[in-house]
Protein backbone atom coordinates (compact mmCIF):
# COMPACT_ATOMS: atom_id res chain seq x y z
CA MET A 1 16.27 13.37 15.78
CA ASN A 2 15.97 9.46 16.60
CA LYS A 3 17.49 6.91 14.47
CA THR A 4 14.41 6.13 12.58
CA MET A 5 14.16 9.55 11.47
CA LEU A 6 17.78 10.01 10.35
CA LEU A 7 17.76 6.65 8.28
CA ALA A 8 14.60 8.13 6.81
CA ALA A 9 16.45 11.54 5.80
CA THR A 10 19.49 9.80 4.51
CA ALA A 11 17.00 7.73 2.51
CA VAL A 12 15.68 11.09 1.02
CA LEU A 13 18.90 12.42 0.08
CA ALA A 14 19.90 9.03 -1.59
CA LEU A 15 16.64 8.90 -3.71
CA THR A 16 16.86 12.69 -4.52
CA ALA A 17 20.83 12.53 -5.65
CA GLY A 18 20.86 9.00 -7.03
CA GLY A 19 17.57 8.48 -8.45
CA ALA A 20 16.28 5.94 -6.34
CA LEU A 21 19.84 4.87 -5.52
CA ALA A 22 20.44 4.83 -9.14
CA GLY A 23 19.11 1.48 -9.59
CA SER A 24 21.48 -0.62 -8.32
CA HIS A 25 19.51 -1.32 -4.85
CA PRO A 26 15.74 -0.83 -4.28
CA GLY A 27 14.54 2.30 -2.88
CA LEU A 28 12.28 2.92 -0.40
CA PHE A 29 10.07 5.78 -2.30
CA VAL A 30 10.00 7.90 -5.13
CA LYS A 31 8.22 11.04 -6.46
CA PRO A 32 6.46 10.21 -9.47
CA THR A 33 6.48 12.73 -12.28
CA SER A 34 3.49 11.11 -13.97
CA LEU A 35 0.60 8.95 -12.82
CA SER A 36 -2.44 6.86 -14.17
CA PRO A 37 -4.94 6.37 -11.74
CA ILE A 38 -7.40 4.07 -12.84
CA HIS A 39 -10.99 4.64 -13.77
CA PRO A 40 -12.50 1.12 -14.73
CA THR A 41 -15.13 1.22 -17.18
CA HIS A 42 -17.00 -1.42 -15.26
CA THR A 43 -18.20 -0.94 -11.67
CA SER A 44 -18.67 -3.85 -8.96
CA GLY A 45 -21.40 -1.78 -7.12
CA SER A 46 -21.24 1.41 -5.49
CA THR A 47 -18.40 3.13 -3.92
CA LEU A 48 -18.18 2.28 -0.58
CA TYR A 49 -15.20 4.25 0.35
CA ASP A 50 -12.86 6.65 -1.40
CA GLN A 51 -9.49 8.37 -0.85
CA ASN A 52 -7.89 8.00 -4.27
CA SER A 53 -6.82 11.36 -4.52
CA ASN A 54 -4.19 14.15 -3.05
CA PHE A 55 -1.39 12.16 -4.57
CA GLY A 56 2.16 12.18 -2.94
CA TYR A 57 5.17 9.70 -3.21
CA GLY A 58 4.81 5.92 -4.30
CA ILE A 59 6.13 4.18 -1.38
CA VAL A 60 7.22 0.62 -1.93
CA SER A 61 5.15 -2.45 -1.10
CA GLN A 62 6.62 -5.37 -2.94
CA ASN A 63 7.59 -9.05 -2.33
CA PHE A 64 11.18 -9.34 -4.45
CA THR A 65 10.78 -12.62 -5.97
CA SER A 66 14.25 -13.22 -7.45
CA GLY A 67 17.94 -12.08 -6.98
CA SER A 68 19.49 -11.13 -4.08
CA PHE A 69 16.90 -8.63 -3.22
CA GLY A 70 14.81 -11.12 -1.67
CA THR A 71 13.62 -11.55 1.99
CA VAL A 72 15.30 -8.61 3.58
CA TYR A 73 13.72 -6.20 1.36
CA ASN A 74 10.11 -7.28 1.40
CA ALA A 75 8.28 -4.43 2.29
CA ALA A 76 4.07 -3.93 3.01
CA ALA A 77 1.88 -0.98 3.14
CA ALA A 78 -1.41 -0.90 4.86
CA ASP A 79 -3.94 1.79 5.57
CA ASP A 80 -7.16 1.82 7.46
CA PHE A 81 -11.01 2.78 6.72
CA ALA A 82 -14.22 2.18 8.54
CA VAL A 83 -17.43 0.43 8.22
CA PRO A 84 -20.66 2.35 9.35
CA ALA A 85 -22.33 1.09 12.39
CA GLY A 86 -25.39 -1.18 11.61
CA LYS A 87 -23.90 -2.03 8.00
CA THR A 88 -22.41 -5.02 6.23
CA TRP A 89 -20.10 -4.31 3.26
CA VAL A 90 -19.53 -6.89 0.27
CA VAL A 91 -16.29 -5.49 -1.29
CA LYS A 92 -16.00 -6.51 -4.83
CA GLU A 93 -13.45 -4.16 -6.23
CA VAL A 94 -10.38 -2.44 -4.95
CA ASP A 95 -8.86 0.50 -6.95
CA VAL A 96 -5.31 1.74 -6.09
CA THR A 97 -3.08 4.40 -7.45
CA GLY A 98 0.57 3.21 -7.54
CA VAL A 99 3.96 3.63 -9.70
CA TYR A 100 6.43 1.56 -10.84
CA PHE A 101 10.19 2.92 -10.59
CA ASN A 102 13.75 1.47 -10.68
CA GLY A 103 11.91 -0.23 -13.48
CA SER A 104 8.89 -0.43 -15.90
CA GLY A 105 7.00 -3.50 -14.59
CA PRO A 106 4.31 -5.11 -14.58
CA ALA A 107 3.91 -6.84 -11.57
CA ASN A 108 3.51 -10.69 -11.50
CA SER A 109 0.56 -10.65 -9.44
CA GLU A 110 -0.56 -8.53 -6.39
CA ILE A 111 -2.19 -9.41 -2.94
CA VAL A 112 -4.81 -7.71 -1.22
CA THR A 113 -5.41 -8.37 2.12
CA PHE A 114 -8.08 -7.16 4.63
CA TYR A 115 -7.18 -7.18 8.38
CA ALA A 116 -8.95 -6.47 11.40
CA LYS A 117 -8.36 -3.48 13.79
CA GLY A 118 -5.28 -4.24 15.84
CA LYS A 119 -3.69 -2.99 18.87
CA GLY A 120 -2.23 0.17 19.11
CA GLY A 121 -3.57 1.44 15.75
CA HIS A 122 -2.12 -1.09 13.53
CA PRO A 123 -3.41 -3.99 11.41
CA GLY A 124 -4.53 -7.05 13.36
CA LYS A 125 -5.86 -10.40 12.23
CA VAL A 126 -6.33 -11.36 8.86
CA VAL A 127 -9.66 -11.33 7.70
CA LYS A 128 -9.52 -12.11 3.75
CA SER A 129 -6.39 -12.12 1.49
CA PHE A 130 -6.38 -12.88 -2.46
CA THR A 131 -3.67 -13.07 -4.95
CA ASP A 132 -4.79 -11.52 -8.12
CA ASN A 133 -3.86 -10.47 -11.54
CA CYS A 134 -5.33 -7.02 -11.28
CA THR A 135 -6.05 -4.97 -14.46
CA ASP A 136 -2.92 -2.71 -14.65
CA SER A 137 -2.90 0.90 -15.48
CA ALA A 138 1.22 1.82 -15.17
CA GLY A 139 1.32 0.62 -11.64
CA SER A 140 -2.50 1.83 -10.72
CA PHE A 141 -4.38 -1.38 -10.34
CA ASP A 142 -8.29 -2.72 -10.58
CA CYS A 143 -8.35 -5.50 -8.45
CA ASP A 144 -11.43 -8.00 -8.00
CA THR A 145 -11.99 -9.30 -4.86
CA ARG A 146 -14.96 -10.78 -2.25
CA ALA A 147 -14.79 -9.38 1.33
CA LYS A 148 -17.44 -9.57 3.42
CA LEU A 149 -17.04 -6.76 6.30
CA ASP A 150 -19.65 -7.23 8.84
CA ASN A 151 -20.67 -4.55 11.40
CA SER A 152 -24.35 -5.12 11.22
CA ALA A 153 -24.51 -5.34 14.98
CA GLY A 154 -22.26 -2.70 15.78
CA THR A 155 -23.43 0.52 17.29
CA LYS A 156 -20.07 2.43 16.49
CA LYS A 157 -18.24 2.24 13.08
CA LYS A 158 -15.65 -0.48 12.87
CA THR A 159 -12.25 0.07 11.61
CA TYR A 160 -10.52 -2.45 9.05
CA TRP A 161 -6.96 -2.21 7.21
CA ILE A 162 -6.17 -2.95 3.70
CA SER A 163 -2.84 -3.88 2.32
CA VAL A 164 -1.72 -4.12 -1.29
CA VAL A 165 1.69 -5.91 -1.97
CA VAL A 166 2.75 -6.80 -5.40
CA ASN A 167 5.16 -9.93 -6.37
CA MET A 168 7.74 -8.88 -8.76
CA PRO A 169 11.55 -9.35 -9.15
CA PHE A 170 13.92 -6.37 -9.13
CA VAL A 171 16.74 -7.57 -11.09
CA THR A 172 14.91 -8.49 -14.47
CA GLY A 173 14.30 -4.79 -15.09
CA GLN A 174 10.70 -4.90 -13.50
CA GLY A 175 12.15 -2.93 -10.70
CA GLU A 176 9.58 -1.64 -7.93
CA TRP A 177 6.20 -0.76 -7.29
CA GLY A 178 5.09 2.29 -5.03
CA TRP A 179 1.68 2.42 -3.77
CA VAL A 180 1.02 6.27 -3.76
CA GLN A 181 0.33 8.22 -0.98
CA ASN A 182 -2.72 10.33 -0.25
CA THR A 183 -1.02 13.07 1.62
CA ASN A 184 -3.94 13.82 4.05
CA ILE A 185 -4.70 11.30 6.87
CA HIS A 186 -8.46 9.70 7.28
CA GLY A 187 -8.69 7.99 10.87
CA THR A 188 -5.24 6.49 11.70
CA GLU A 189 -2.13 7.20 9.94
CA ALA A 190 -1.00 4.45 7.31
CA ASN A 191 1.43 2.02 8.24
CA TRP A 192 4.37 0.38 6.60
CA GLU A 193 6.73 -2.67 7.39
CA ASN A 194 9.77 -4.09 6.55
CA PRO A 195 10.24 -7.29 8.44
CA GLY A 196 13.89 -8.15 7.10
CA ASN A 197 15.03 -4.59 7.70
CA GLY A 198 16.94 -4.25 4.40
CA PHE A 199 16.07 -0.76 3.99
CA GLY A 200 17.56 0.07 7.54
CA THR A 201 14.25 1.76 8.94
CA GLY A 202 13.94 -0.45 12.02
CA CYS A 203 10.36 -0.70 11.07
CA THR A 204 10.53 -4.56 11.15
CA THR A 205 6.59 -4.57 12.25
CA TRP A 206 3.76 -2.42 11.26
CA ALA A 207 4.46 1.08 12.17
CA PRO A 208 3.54 4.86 10.95
CA ASN A 209 4.64 6.13 7.64
CA SER A 210 5.96 9.31 9.39
CA GLN A 211 8.13 7.19 11.69
CA CYS A 212 9.36 4.63 9.27
CA LEU A 213 9.64 6.93 6.45
CA GLY A 214 9.53 10.35 7.58
CA LEU A 215 6.57 10.82 5.04
CA ALA A 216 3.24 11.32 7.00
CA GLY A 217 -0.04 10.37 5.26
CA ASP A 218 -2.25 7.60 3.98
CA TYR A 219 -2.45 5.73 0.78
CA ALA A 220 -4.96 6.20 -2.33
CA PHE A 221 -7.27 3.64 -2.69
CA GLU A 222 -11.07 3.35 -3.37
CA LEU A 223 -13.42 0.25 -2.41
CA LYS A 224 -16.35 -0.76 -4.40
CA GLY A 225 -19.28 -3.26 -3.90
CA LYS A 226 -22.53 -3.62 -1.82
CA GLN A 227 -23.88 -2.18 1.45
CA SER A 228 -26.83 -3.70 3.39
C-alpha cells in the first residue's frame, strides 16, 4: 500500500470511528444518512448531460473562510463530461447533489468553474467561472450559469471539466460541504485536490479520487441549457 492509500485508509477509520473526526477538525468525506437531490420547478432549457444518480460518499469541496481551518484545508473536486462533435452547448443551469456534515450549513456562496481538458486526464485552463448564491436544498444546489462550450467545428467529442466549491466557515457551526459521488465512472475518473495538504493525502494538485481518497468514482451533477 502506497503512502497516499495508507493515509486515505487512515482517514476512513477516523471518519468511521469519530464521526468525521468528531467535529473538531475538517473531515475528508462522509457517508450521508439522507440526501435531498434538487429538482427545480423551473428549467433553463433541456438536459444536456446527466449523471445525477448512483449516490455514494460526500467528498469535501470547500474554501474554509474563517478560523484556523483556512488555506491548508481548502479543497476542490472536479469531474469531466463531453460535448458532442459538431455541437455547441450553452449551459444555463448546473444541478449538483451534495451534503452538509460536521455542521448544518448553509454555504455562503458557491463557485462553479468550467475547465478545458488538461494533460494527463485532469482539468486544464479555466473556460468560465461563476460565484453564485445557488438555490440550496440541504446541500444540493441549483446554480444559474452561462457558459458557452463550443465544439461546432469538432469531428470528435470534446471533453470539459466542471468543479463546484463552496465558500463557508467551519468554526461557526456551518461545518463542511461534500459533493456527493456518482459511484460509476463516466469517461475519466473524477479528480480532487488540496493544495495546502491539510488533509495529508499528498494530492496538492488534481489527481483521481481513488488515488487521493481511496474512493473510486465520479460526482453527481446535471447540466441544463441549449444545444445548437
